[in-house]
Amino acid sequence: MPEEELERDLPPIDVKELLQENLRNTTEKPINIERPPSRRKRDYVILTFVGNLSLIVLLMLGSWNAVSLVFFISALTLFNTGLAWVMFVLMDDY
């Protein structure tokens, strides 16, 4: 019963008026759909440089033997592949 009273109080729907209103709203200002440039490559280069430099400094400060050299090479490999995986596969553009 309250729904019928509500429908009686509303003006009739004019489809042409609704379409004209939609057309007026779309012609005002177009939306900028260009994506901003990604900073991902720059951050990757910076992180690679800093990470590799810090690993090299740790190697220079530590002891020099075959085991430490193998650990150093494996750390460089894991760091660089992990960083590339995170930056270019897991993360979105930012």
PDB file of N, CA and C in Angstrom:
ATOM      1  N   MET A   1       0.807  -1.192   0.000  1.00  0.00           N
ATOM      2  CA  MET A   1       0.000   0.000   0.000  1.00  0.00           C
ATOM      3  C   MET A   1       0.859   1.268   0.000  1.00  0.00           C
ATOM      4  N   PRO A   2       1.918   1.349   0.822  1.00  0.00           N
ATOM      5  CA  PRO A   2       2.746   2.567   0.783  1.00  0.00           C
ATOM      6  C   PRO A   2       3.472   2.727  -0.547  1.00  0.00           C
ATOM      7  N   GLU A   3       3.771   1.616  -1.224  1.00  0.00           N
ATOM      8  CA  GLU A   3       4.455   1.712  -2.506  1.00  0.00           C
ATOM      9  C   GLU A   3       3.573   2.357  -3.556  1.00  0.00           C
ATOM     10  N   GLU A   4       2.289   2.060  -3.521  1.00  0.00           N
ATOM     11  CA  GLU A   4       1.361   2.658  -4.484  1.00  0.00           C
ATOM     12  C   GLU A   4       1.252   4.162  -4.264  1.00  0.00           C
ATOM     13  N   GLU A   5       1.248   4.587  -3.022  1.00  0.00           N
ATOM     14  CA  GLU A   5       1.182   6.013  -2.729  1.00  0.00           C
ATOM     15  C   GLU A   5       2.456   6.715  -3.198  1.00  0.00           C
ATOM     16  N   LEU A   6       3.581   6.047  -3.025  1.00  0.00           N
ATOM     17  CA  LEU A   6       4.849   6.624  -3.452  1.00  0.00           C
ATOM     18  C   LEU A   6       4.902   6.760  -4.969  1.00  0.00           C
ATOM     19  N   GLU A   7       4.393   5.757  -5.681  1.00  0.00           N
ATOM     20  CA  GLU A   7       4.394   5.810  -7.137  1.00  0.00           C
ATOM     21  C   GLU A   7       3.473   6.908  -7.657  1.00  0.00           C
ATOM     22  N   ARG A   8       2.383   7.165  -6.978  1.00  0.00           N
ATOM     23  CA  ARG A   8       1.464   8.208  -7.409  1.00  0.00           C
ATOM     24  C   ARG A   8       2.086   9.596  -7.264  1.00  0.00           C
ATOM     25  N   ASP A   9       2.964   9.781  -6.270  1.00  0.00           N
ATOM     26  CA  ASP A   9       3.565  11.093  -6.015  1.00  0.00           C
ATOM     27  C   ASP A   9       4.700  11.421  -6.985  1.00  0.00           C
ATOM     28  N   LEU A  10       5.308  10.413  -7.594  1.00  0.00           N
ATOM     29  CA  LEU A  10       6.439  10.650  -8.488  1.00  0.00           C
ATOM     30  C   LEU A  10       5.962  11.063  -9.870  1.00  0.00           C
ATOM     31  N   PRO A  11       6.732  11.949 -10.552  1.00  0.00           N
ATOM     32  CA  PRO A  11       6.353  12.310 -11.924  1.00  0.00           C
ATOM     33  C   PRO A  11       6.648  11.132 -12.855  1.00  0.00           C
ATOM     34  N   PRO A  12       6.022  11.090 -14.014  1.00  0.00           N
ATOM     35  CA  PRO A  12       6.296   9.993 -14.950  1.00  0.00           C
ATOM     36  C   PRO A  12       7.723  10.092 -15.493  1.00  0.00           C
ATOM     37  N   ILE A  13       8.282   8.944 -15.806  1.00  0.00           N
ATOM     38  CA  ILE A  13       9.659   8.879 -16.301  1.00  0.00           C
ATOM     39  C   ILE A  13       9.662   9.201 -17.786  1.00  0.00           C
ATOM     40  N   ASP A  14      10.499  10.165 -18.172  1.00  0.00           N
ATOM     41  CA  ASP A  14      10.637  10.542 -19.575  1.00  0.00           C
ATOM     42  C   ASP A  14      11.984  10.028 -20.072  1.00  0.00           C
ATOM     43  N   VAL A  15      11.933   9.065 -20.973  1.00  0.00           N
ATOM     44  CA  VAL A  15      13.158   8.423 -21.453  1.00  0.00           C
ATOM     45  C   VAL A  15      14.007   9.411 -22.246  1.00  0.00           C
ATOM     46  N   LYS A  16      13.382  10.229 -23.069  1.00  0.00           N
ATOM     47  CA  LYS A  16      14.141  11.201 -23.863  1.00  0.00           C
ATOM     48  C   LYS A  16      14.892  12.180 -22.967  1.00  0.00           C
ATOM     49  N   GLU A  17      14.262  12.592 -21.903  1.00  0.00           N
ATOM     50  CA  GLU A  17      14.923  13.513 -20.963  1.00  0.00           C
ATOM     51  C   GLU A  17      16.115  12.834 -20.283  1.00  0.00           C
ATOM     52  N   LEU A  18      15.986  11.569 -19.908  1.00  0.00           N
ATOM     53  CA  LEU A  18      17.099  10.841 -19.295  1.00  0.00           C
ATOM     54  C   LEU A  18      18.264  10.688 -20.261  1.00  0.00           C
ATOM     55  N   LEU A  19      17.961  10.380 -21.527  1.00  0.00           N
ATOM     56  CA  LEU A  19      19.025  10.233 -22.518  1.00  0.00           C
ATOM     57  C   LEU A  19      19.711  11.564 -22.804  1.00  0.00           C
ATOM     58  N   GLN A  20      18.947  12.645 -22.857  1.00  0.00           N
ATOM     59  CA  GLN A  20      19.554  13.955 -23.071  1.00  0.00           C
ATOM     60  C   GLN A  20      20.434  14.366 -21.897  1.00  0.00           C
ATOM     61  N   GLU A  21      20.012  14.022 -20.692  1.00  0.00           N
ATOM     62  CA  GLU A  21      20.835  14.320 -19.515  1.00  0.00           C
ATOM     63  C   GLU A  21      22.135  13.526 -19.546  1.00  0.00           C
ATOM     64  N   ASN A  22      22.072  12.253 -19.954  1.00  0.00           N
ATOM     65  CA  ASN A  22      23.295  11.454 -20.088  1.00  0.00           C
ATOM     66  C   ASN A  22      24.219  12.039 -21.140  1.00  0.00           C
ATOM     67  N   LEU A  23      23.656  12.499 -22.237  1.00  0.00           N
ATOM     68  CA  LEU A  23      24.465  13.100 -23.293  1.00  0.00           C
ATOM     69  C   LEU A  23      25.121  14.395 -22.830  1.00  0.00           C
ATOM     70  N   ARG A  24      24.409  15.198 -22.066  1.00  0.00           N
ATOM     71  CA  ARG A  24      24.998  16.425 -21.527  1.00  0.00           C
ATOM     72  C   ARG A  24      26.154  16.109 -20.579  1.00  0.00           C
ATOM     73  N   ASN A  25      26.008  15.066 -19.798  1.00  0.00           N
ATOM     74  CA  ASN A  25      27.055  14.719 -18.829  1.00  0.00           C
ATOM     75  C   ASN A  25      28.296  14.149 -19.500  1.00  0.00           C
ATOM     76  N   THR A  26      28.160  13.512 -20.660  1.00  0.00           N
ATOM     77  CA  THR A  26      29.323  12.905 -21.305  1.00  0.00           C
ATOM     78  C   THR A  26      30.115  13.889 -22.139  1.00  0.00           C
ATOM     79  N   THR A  27      29.549  15.006 -22.530  1.00  0.00           N
ATOM     80  CA  THR A  27      30.262  15.942 -23.406  1.00  0.00           C
ATOM     81  C   THR A  27      31.016  17.017 -22.637  1.00  0.00           C
ATOM     82  N   GLU A  28      31.008  16.965 -21.316  1.00  0.00           N
ATOM     83  CA  GLU A  28      31.653  18.036 -20.551  1.00  0.00           C
ATOM     84  C   GLU A  28      33.177  17.981 -20.636  1.00  0.00           C
ATOM     85  N   LYS A  29      33.783  16.927 -20.133  1.00  0.00           N
ATOM     86  CA  LYS A  29      35.233  16.846 -20.119  1.00  0.00           C
ATOM     87  C   LYS A  29      35.638  15.377 -20.270  1.00  0.00           C
ATOM     88  N   PRO A  30      36.498  15.068 -21.245  1.00  0.00           N
ATOM     89  CA  PRO A  30      36.894  13.669 -21.406  1.00  0.00           C
ATOM     90  C   PRO A  30      37.825  13.230 -20.273  1.00  0.00           C
ATOM     91  N   ILE A  31      37.806  11.969 -20.003  1.00  0.00           N
ATOM     92  CA  ILE A  31      38.637  11.406 -18.943  1.00  0.00           C
ATOM     93  C   ILE A  31      40.031  11.125 -19.503  1.00  0.00           C
ATOM     94  N   ASN A  32      41.035  11.476 -18.765  1.00  0.00           N
ATOM     95  CA  ASN A  32      42.413  11.206 -19.159  1.00  0.00           C
ATOM     96  C   ASN A  32      42.723   9.742 -18.865  1.00  0.00           C
ATOM     97  N   ILE A  33      42.914   8.940 -19.924  1.00  0.00           N
ATOM     98  CA  ILE A  33      43.151   7.510 -19.733  1.00  0.00           C
ATOM     99  C   ILE A  33      44.618   7.129 -19.917  1.00  0.00           C
ATOM    100  N   GLU A  34      45.493   8.100 -20.094  1.00  0.00           N
ATOM    101  CA  GLU A  34      46.919   7.792 -20.231  1.00  0.00           C
ATOM    102  C   GLU A  34      47.484   7.386 -18.876  1.00  0.00           C
ATOM    103  N   ARG A  35      48.336   6.368 -18.901  1.00  0.00           N
ATOM    104  CA  ARG A  35      48.951   5.906 -17.667  1.00  0.00           C
ATOM    105  C   ARG A  35      50.201   6.740 -17.387  1.00  0.00           C
ATOM    106  N   PRO A  36      50.437   7.056 -16.142  1.00  0.00           N
ATOM    107  CA  PRO A  36      51.676   7.787 -15.820  1.00  0.00           C
ATOM    108  C   PRO A  36      52.879   6.865 -16.026  1.00  0.00           C
ATOM    109  N   PRO A  37      54.038   7.426 -16.302  1.00  0.00           N
ATOM    110  CA  PRO A  37      55.212   6.567 -16.500  1.00  0.00           C
ATOM    111  C   PRO A  37      55.560   5.799 -15.225  1.00  0.00           C
ATOM    112  N   SER A  38      55.977   4.565 -15.416  1.00  0.00           N
ATOM    113  CA  SER A  38      56.283   3.703 -14.280  1.00  0.00           C
ATOM    114  C   SER A  38      57.684   3.999 -13.751  1.00  0.00           C
ATOM    115  N   ARG A  39      57.836   3.958 -12.442  1.00  0.00           N
ATOM    116  CA  ARG A  39      59.145   4.160 -11.808  1.00  0.00           C
ATOM    117  C   ARG A  39      59.801   2.826 -11.474  1.00  0.00           C
ATOM    118  N   ARG A  40      59.231   1.743 -11.973  1.00  0.00           N
ATOM    119  CA  ARG A  40      59.683   0.412 -11.592  1.00  0.00           C
ATOM    120  C   ARG A  40      61.102   0.123 -12.093  1.00  0.00           C
ATOM    121  N   LYS A  41      61.413   0.476 -13.338  1.00  0.00           N
ATOM    122  CA  LYS A  41      62.754   0.202 -13.884  1.00  0.00           C
ATOM    123  C   LYS A  41      63.831   0.983 -13.137  1.00  0.00           C
ATOM    124  N   ARG A  42      63.522   2.238 -12.839  1.00  0.00           N
ATOM    125  CA  ARG A  42      64.492   3.053 -12.105  1.00  0.00           C
ATOM    126  C   ARG A  42      64.752   2.468 -10.721  1.00  0.00           C
ATOM    127  N   ASP A  43      63.678   2.075 -10.023  1.00  0.00           N
ATOM    128  CA  ASP A  43      63.836   1.482  -8.696  1.00  0.00           C
ATOM    129  C   ASP A  43      64.576   0.150  -8.757  1.00  0.00           C
ATOM    130  N   TYR A  44      64.337  -0.626  -9.823  1.00  0.00           N
ATOM    131  CA  TYR A  44      65.048  -1.897  -9.982  1.00  0.00           C
ATOM    132  C   TYR A  44      66.555  -1.670 -10.131  1.00  0.00           C
ATOM    133  N   VAL A  45      66.920  -0.702 -10.939  1.00  0.00           N
ATOM    134  CA  VAL A  45      68.355  -0.423 -11.140  1.00  0.00           C
ATOM    135  C   VAL A  45      68.992   0.057  -9.840  1.00  0.00           C
ATOM    136  N   ILE A  46      68.308   0.930  -9.114  1.00  0.00           N
ATOM    137  CA  ILE A  46      68.848   1.434  -7.844  1.00  0.00           C
ATOM    138  C   ILE A  46      69.002   0.304  -6.833  1.00  0.00           C
ATOM    139  N   LEU A  47      67.962  -0.529  -6.692  1.00  0.00           N
ATOM    140  CA  LEU A  47      68.034  -1.633  -5.737  1.00  0.00           C
ATOM    141  C   LEU A  47      69.082  -2.666  -6.122  1.00  0.00           C
ATOM    142  N   THR A  48      69.225  -2.927  -7.412  1.00  0.00           N
ATOM    143  CA  THR A  48      70.256  -3.866  -7.857  1.00  0.00           C
ATOM    144  C   THR A  48      71.641  -3.334  -7.522  1.00  0.00           C
ATOM    145  N   PHE A  49      71.872  -2.067  -7.793  1.00  0.00           N
ATOM    146  CA  PHE A  49      73.177  -1.474  -7.502  1.00  0.00           C
ATOM    147  C   PHE A  49      73.478  -1.492  -6.009  1.00  0.00           C
ATOM    148  N   VAL A  50      72.527  -1.053  -5.205  1.00  0.00           N
ATOM    149  CA  VAL A  50      72.746  -0.993  -3.753  1.00  0.00           C
ATOM    150  C   VAL A  50      72.895  -2.384  -3.160  1.00  0.00           C
ATOM    151  N   GLY A  51      72.059  -3.321  -3.586  1.00  0.00           N
ATOM    152  CA  GLY A  51      72.128  -4.686  -3.047  1.00  0.00           C
ATOM    153  C   GLY A  51      73.416  -5.397  -3.415  1.00  0.00           C
ATOM    154  N   ASN A  52      73.811  -5.296  -4.674  1.00  0.00           N
ATOM    155  CA  ASN A  52      75.058  -5.940  -5.095  1.00  0.00           C
ATOM    156  C   ASN A  52      76.269  -5.286  -4.432  1.00  0.00           C
ATOM    157  N   LEU A  53      76.237  -3.973  -4.299  1.00  0.00           N
ATOM    158  CA  LEU A  53      77.338  -3.273  -3.638  1.00  0.00           C
ATOM    159  C   LEU A  53      77.456  -3.697  -2.176  1.00  0.00           C
ATOM    160  N   SER A  54      76.322  -3.826  -1.496  1.00  0.00           N
ATOM    161  CA  SER A  54      76.372  -4.243  -0.090  1.00  0.00           C
ATOM    162  C   SER A  54      76.865  -5.683   0.047  1.00  0.00           C
ATOM    163  N   LEU A  55      76.486  -6.558  -0.881  1.00  0.00           N
ATOM    164  CA  LEU A  55      76.999  -7.937  -0.823  1.00  0.00           C
ATOM    165  C   LEU A  55      78.504  -7.981  -1.101  1.00  0.00           C
ATOM    166  N   ILE A  56      78.959  -7.148  -2.013  1.00  0.00           N
ATOM    167  CA  ILE A  56      80.402  -7.103  -2.299  1.00  0.00           C
ATOM    168  C   ILE A  56      81.168  -6.574  -1.090  1.00  0.00           C
ATOM    169  N   VAL A  57      80.630  -5.566  -0.425  1.00  0.00           N
ATOM    170  CA  VAL A  57      81.283  -5.028   0.778  1.00  0.00           C
ATOM    171  C   VAL A  57      81.330  -6.097   1.871  1.00  0.00           C
ATOM    172  N   LEU A  58      80.259  -6.859   2.029  1.00  0.00           N
ATOM    173  CA  LEU A  58      80.266  -7.952   3.018  1.00  0.00           C
ATOM    174  C   LEU A  58      81.313  -9.004   2.681  1.00  0.00           C
ATOM    175  N   LEU A  59      81.492  -9.283   1.407  1.00  0.00           N
ATOM    176  CA  LEU A  59      82.528 -10.243   1.014  1.00  0.00           C
ATOM    177  C   LEU A  59      83.917  -9.692   1.318  1.00  0.00           C
ATOM    178  N   MET A  60      84.117  -8.421   1.050  1.00  0.00           N
ATOM    179  CA  MET A  60      85.440  -7.837   1.288  1.00  0.00           C
ATOM    180  C   MET A  60      85.770  -7.780   2.781  1.00  0.00           C
ATOM    181  N   LEU A  61      84.764  -7.578   3.627  1.00  0.00           N
ATOM    182  CA  LEU A  61      85.005  -7.500   5.066  1.00  0.00           C
ATOM    183  C   LEU A  61      85.157  -8.883   5.701  1.00  0.00           C
ATOM    184  N   GLY A  62      84.626  -9.903   5.057  1.00  0.00           N
ATOM    185  CA  GLY A  62      84.670 -11.255   5.628  1.00  0.00           C
ATOM    186  C   GLY A  62      85.955 -11.985   5.267  1.00  0.00           C
ATOM    187  N   SER A  63      85.961 -13.264   5.566  1.00  0.00           N
ATOM    188  CA  SER A  63      87.127 -14.089   5.260  1.00  0.00           C
ATOM    189  C   SER A  63      87.057 -14.582   3.818  1.00  0.00           C
ATOM    190  N   TRP A  64      88.239 -14.819   3.250  1.00  0.00           N
ATOM    191  CA  TRP A  64      88.320 -15.260   1.865  1.00  0.00           C
ATOM    192  C   TRP A  64      88.664 -16.740   1.830  1.00  0.00           C
ATOM    193  N   ASN A  65      87.691 -17.568   1.528  1.00  0.00           N
ATOM    194  CA  ASN A  65      87.957 -18.981   1.269  1.00  0.00           C
ATOM    195  C   ASN A  65      86.935 -19.475   0.261  1.00  0.00           C
ATOM    196  N   ALA A  66      87.018 -20.740  -0.113  1.00  0.00           N
ATOM    197  CA  ALA A  66      86.157 -21.272  -1.171  1.00  0.00           C
ATOM    198  C   ALA A  66      84.688 -21.277  -0.748  1.00  0.00           C
ATOM    199  N   VAL A  67      84.434 -21.577   0.515  1.00  0.00           N
ATOM    200  CA  VAL A  67      83.048 -21.650   0.979  1.00  0.00           C
ATOM    201  C   VAL A  67      82.397 -20.263   0.968  1.00  0.00           C
ATOM    202  N   SER A  68      83.118 -19.253   1.433  1.00  0.00           N
ATOM    203  CA  SER A  68      82.544 -17.910   1.437  1.00  0.00           C
ATOM    204  C   SER A  68      82.326 -17.402   0.011  1.00  0.00           C
ATOM    205  N   LEU A  69      83.204 -17.780  -0.914  1.00  0.00           N
ATOM    206  CA  LEU A  69      83.030 -17.381  -2.309  1.00  0.00           C
ATOM    207  C   LEU A  69      81.784 -18.039  -2.916  1.00  0.00           C
ATOM    208  N   VAL A  70      81.543 -19.296  -2.602  1.00  0.00           N
ATOM    209  CA  VAL A  70      80.342 -19.984  -3.097  1.00  0.00           C
ATOM    210  C   VAL A  70      79.089 -19.350  -2.491  1.00  0.00           C
ATOM    211  N   PHE A  71      79.128 -19.053  -1.198  1.00  0.00           N
ATOM    212  CA  PHE A  71      77.993 -18.387  -0.575  1.00  0.00           C
ATOM    213  C   PHE A  71      77.763 -16.996  -1.183  1.00  0.00           C
ATOM    214  N   PHE A  72      78.823 -16.297  -1.501  1.00  0.00           N
ATOM    215  CA  PHE A  72      78.713 -14.980  -2.111  1.00  0.00           C
ATOM    216  C   PHE A  72      78.052 -15.065  -3.486  1.00  0.00           C
ATOM    217  N   ILE A  73      78.502 -16.004  -4.301  1.00  0.00           N
ATOM    218  CA  ILE A  73      77.930 -16.162  -5.641  1.00  0.00           C
ATOM    219  C   ILE A  73      76.458 -16.570  -5.557  1.00  0.00           C
ATOM    220  N   SER A  74      76.139 -17.455  -4.633  1.00  0.00           N
ATOM    221  CA  SER A  74      74.740 -17.866  -4.487  1.00  0.00           C
ATOM    222  C   SER A  74      73.875 -16.724  -3.940  1.00  0.00           C
ATOM    223  N   ALA A  75      74.418 -15.922  -3.050  1.00  0.00           N
ATOM    224  CA  ALA A  75      73.669 -14.781  -2.525  1.00  0.00           C
ATOM    225  C   ALA A  75      73.402 -13.759  -3.634  1.00  0.00           C
ATOM    226  N   LEU A  76      74.398 -13.491  -4.467  1.00  0.00           N
ATOM    227  CA  LEU A  76      74.191 -12.578  -5.593  1.00  0.00           C
ATOM    228  C   LEU A  76      73.121 -13.105  -6.545  1.00  0.00           C
ATOM    229  N   THR A  77      73.193 -14.404  -6.830  1.00  0.00           N
ATOM    230  CA  THR A  77      72.218 -15.003  -7.743  1.00  0.00           C
ATOM    231  C   THR A  77      70.811 -14.947  -7.163  1.00  0.00           C
ATOM    232  N   LEU A  78      70.665 -15.336  -5.911  1.00  0.00           N
ATOM    233  CA  LEU A  78      69.345 -15.307  -5.281  1.00  0.00           C
ATOM    234  C   LEU A  78      68.804 -13.883  -5.162  1.00  0.00           C
ATOM    235  N   PHE A  79      69.659 -12.953  -4.809  1.00  0.00           N
ATOM    236  CA  PHE A  79      69.200 -11.570  -4.672  1.00  0.00           C
ATOM    237  C   PHE A  79      68.729 -11.008  -6.008  1.00  0.00           C
ATOM    238  N   ASN A  80      69.536 -11.185  -7.054  1.00  0.00           N
ATOM    239  CA  ASN A  80      69.194 -10.596  -8.352  1.00  0.00           C
ATOM    240  C   ASN A  80      67.969 -11.256  -8.980  1.00  0.00           C
ATOM    241  N   THR A  81      67.876 -12.577  -8.910  1.00  0.00           N
ATOM    242  CA  THR A  81      66.701 -13.234  -9.479  1.00  0.00           C
ATOM    243  C   THR A  81      65.454 -12.949  -8.649  1.00  0.00           C
ATOM    244  N   GLY A  82      65.595 -12.923  -7.330  1.00  0.00           N
ATOM    245  CA  GLY A  82      64.447 -12.613  -6.482  1.00  0.00           C
ATOM    246  C   GLY A  82      63.961 -11.200  -6.679  1.00  0.00           C
ATOM    247  N   LEU A  83      64.883 -10.258  -6.804  1.00  0.00           N
ATOM    248  CA  LEU A  83      64.501  -8.864  -7.025  1.00  0.00           C
ATOM    249  C   LEU A  83      63.805  -8.689  -8.371  1.00  0.00           C
ATOM    250  N   ALA A  84      64.343  -9.328  -9.411  1.00  0.00           N
ATOM    251  CA  ALA A  84      63.700  -9.235 -10.722  1.00  0.00           C
ATOM    252  C   ALA A  84      62.313  -9.874 -10.693  1.00  0.00           C
ATOM    253  N   TRP A  85      62.161 -11.002  -9.999  1.00  0.00           N
ATOM    254  CA  TRP A  85      60.867 -11.658  -9.898  1.00  0.00           C
ATOM    255  C   TRP A  85      59.849 -10.773  -9.174  1.00  0.00           C
ATOM    256  N   VAL A  86      60.264 -10.183  -8.086  1.00  0.00           N
ATOM    257  CA  VAL A  86      59.343  -9.346  -7.321  1.00  0.00           C
ATOM    258  C   VAL A  86      58.988  -8.083  -8.104  1.00  0.00           C
ATOM    259  N   MET A  87      59.966  -7.440  -8.716  1.00  0.00           N
ATOM    260  CA  MET A  87      59.716  -6.159  -9.375  1.00  0.00           C
ATOM    261  C   MET A  87      58.908  -6.301 -10.664  1.00  0.00           C
ATOM    262  N   PHE A  88      59.164  -7.347 -11.451  1.00  0.00           N
ATOM    263  CA  PHE A  88      58.562  -7.413 -12.778  1.00  0.00           C
ATOM    264  C   PHE A  88      57.459  -8.458 -12.918  1.00  0.00           C
ATOM    265  N   VAL A  89      57.327  -9.365 -11.959  1.00  0.00           N
ATOM    266  CA  VAL A  89      56.287 -10.381 -12.075  1.00  0.00           C
ATOM    267  C   VAL A  89      55.213 -10.175 -11.005  1.00  0.00           C
ATOM    268  N   LEU A  90      55.629 -10.026  -9.758  1.00  0.00           N
ATOM    269  CA  LEU A  90      54.656  -9.945  -8.674  1.00  0.00           C
ATOM    270  C   LEU A  90      54.022  -8.573  -8.515  1.00  0.00           C
ATOM    271  N   MET A  91      54.802  -7.513  -8.707  1.00  0.00           N
ATOM    272  CA  MET A  91      54.295  -6.157  -8.463  1.00  0.00           C
ATOM    273  C   MET A  91      53.629  -5.573  -9.697  1.00  0.00           C
ATOM    274  N   ASP A  92      52.604  -4.752  -9.477  1.00  0.00           N
ATOM    275  CA  ASP A  92      51.988  -3.984 -10.555  1.00  0.00           C
ATOM    276  C   ASP A  92      52.775  -2.707 -10.781  1.00  0.00           C
ATOM    277  N   ASP A  93      52.429  -1.997 -11.857  1.00  0.00           N
ATOM    278  CA  ASP A  93      53.055  -0.695 -12.087  1.00  0.00           C
ATOM    279  C   ASP A  93      52.649   0.265 -10.982  1.00  0.00           C
ATOM    280  N   TYR A  94      53.565   1.098 -10.601  1.00  0.00           N
ATOM    281  CA  TYR A  94      53.276   2.117  -9.598  1.00  0.00           C
ATOM    282  C   TYR A  94      53.892   3.410  -9.994  1.00  0.00           C
TER     283      TYR A  94
END
